[in-house]
Protein backbone atom coordinates (compact mmCIF):
# COMPACT_ATOMS: atom_id res chain seq x y z
CA MET A 1 22.70 -26.43 -20.68
CA ALA A 2 20.28 -25.64 -17.88
CA ASP A 3 18.06 -28.40 -16.61
CA ILE A 4 14.47 -28.06 -15.47
CA ALA A 5 15.49 -27.53 -11.82
CA ASP A 6 17.73 -24.59 -12.77
CA ILE A 7 14.95 -23.01 -14.80
CA ALA A 8 12.46 -23.45 -11.96
CA ASN A 9 14.94 -21.98 -9.47
CA ASP A 10 15.58 -18.96 -11.71
CA ARG A 11 11.84 -18.34 -12.04
CA MET A 12 11.40 -18.66 -8.29
CA LEU A 13 14.17 -16.10 -7.65
CA ILE A 14 12.64 -13.68 -10.16
CA GLU A 15 9.25 -13.99 -8.46
CA LEU A 16 10.80 -13.53 -5.01
CA ASP A 17 12.60 -10.38 -6.19
CA ARG A 18 9.32 -9.04 -7.62
CA GLN A 19 7.46 -9.68 -4.37
CA LEU A 20 10.18 -8.09 -2.24
CA ALA A 21 10.23 -5.01 -4.48
CA ALA A 22 6.43 -4.70 -4.22
CA ARG A 23 6.62 -4.98 -0.44
CA GLU A 24 9.23 -2.24 -0.24
CA LEU A 25 7.13 -0.02 -2.49
CA ALA A 26 4.10 -0.59 -0.27
CA ARG A 27 6.03 0.62 2.78
CA GLN A 28 6.75 3.91 1.06
CA CYS A 29 3.08 4.94 0.89
CA PRO A 30 2.39 8.01 3.01
CA VAL A 31 0.49 7.42 6.22
CA ALA A 32 -0.68 10.14 8.60
CA GLU A 33 -1.45 9.75 12.28
CA GLU A 34 -4.01 12.55 12.06
CA CYS A 35 -6.42 13.42 9.27
CA GLU A 36 -4.96 16.22 7.19
CA GLU A 37 -8.45 17.73 6.77
CA CYS A 38 -10.01 17.70 10.25
CA GLY A 39 -7.11 16.72 12.53
CA ILE A 40 -8.70 13.74 14.31
CA THR A 41 -6.61 10.64 14.91
CA ILE A 42 -6.88 8.07 12.13
CA PRO A 43 -7.78 4.67 13.64
CA PHE A 44 -5.09 2.00 13.37
CA GLU A 45 -7.60 -0.34 11.72
CA ARG A 46 -8.06 2.13 8.85
CA VAL A 47 -4.30 2.38 8.33
CA GLN A 48 -4.07 -1.42 8.27
CA ALA A 49 -6.98 -1.71 5.83
CA LEU A 50 -5.17 0.64 3.45
CA ALA A 51 -1.82 -1.08 3.88
CA LYS A 52 -0.75 -0.55 0.27
CA LEU A 53 -2.43 2.80 -0.25
CA PRO A 54 -1.83 6.28 1.13
CA CYS A 55 -3.83 6.97 4.27
CA LEU A 56 -4.00 10.71 4.89
CA ARG A 57 -7.64 11.29 5.85
CA CYS A 58 -10.27 9.84 8.17
CA VAL A 59 -13.16 7.89 6.64
CA ASP A 60 -15.57 10.84 6.75
CA CYS A 61 -13.19 13.33 5.14
CA GLN A 62 -12.12 10.82 2.48
CA ALA A 63 -15.75 10.04 1.67
CA TYR A 64 -16.54 13.76 1.40
CA LEU A 65 -13.55 14.34 -0.88
CA GLU A 66 -14.55 11.43 -3.12
CA SER A 67 -18.17 12.62 -3.26
CA LYS A 68 -16.89 15.97 -4.55
CA GLY A 69 -14.92 14.19 -7.29
CA GLY A 70 -11.53 14.27 -5.60
CA GLY A 71 -9.22 11.32 -5.25
CA ARG A 72 -6.72 10.11 -2.75
């Protein structure tokens, strides 16, 4: 029979596995060095701010796309 320490350890390992899987998934998001609309270099700060999201456009082009009803 498992004691409370074993149960806590199992839960901790499950949570660690979940966090590691989420981190790996976040790394797979596409990131462009240049905006795919206008071709200017996307600032590093923008890429960092969107760490878990795709970053394919500069701020201006993304804002224009969203104002027209487009998404990411």
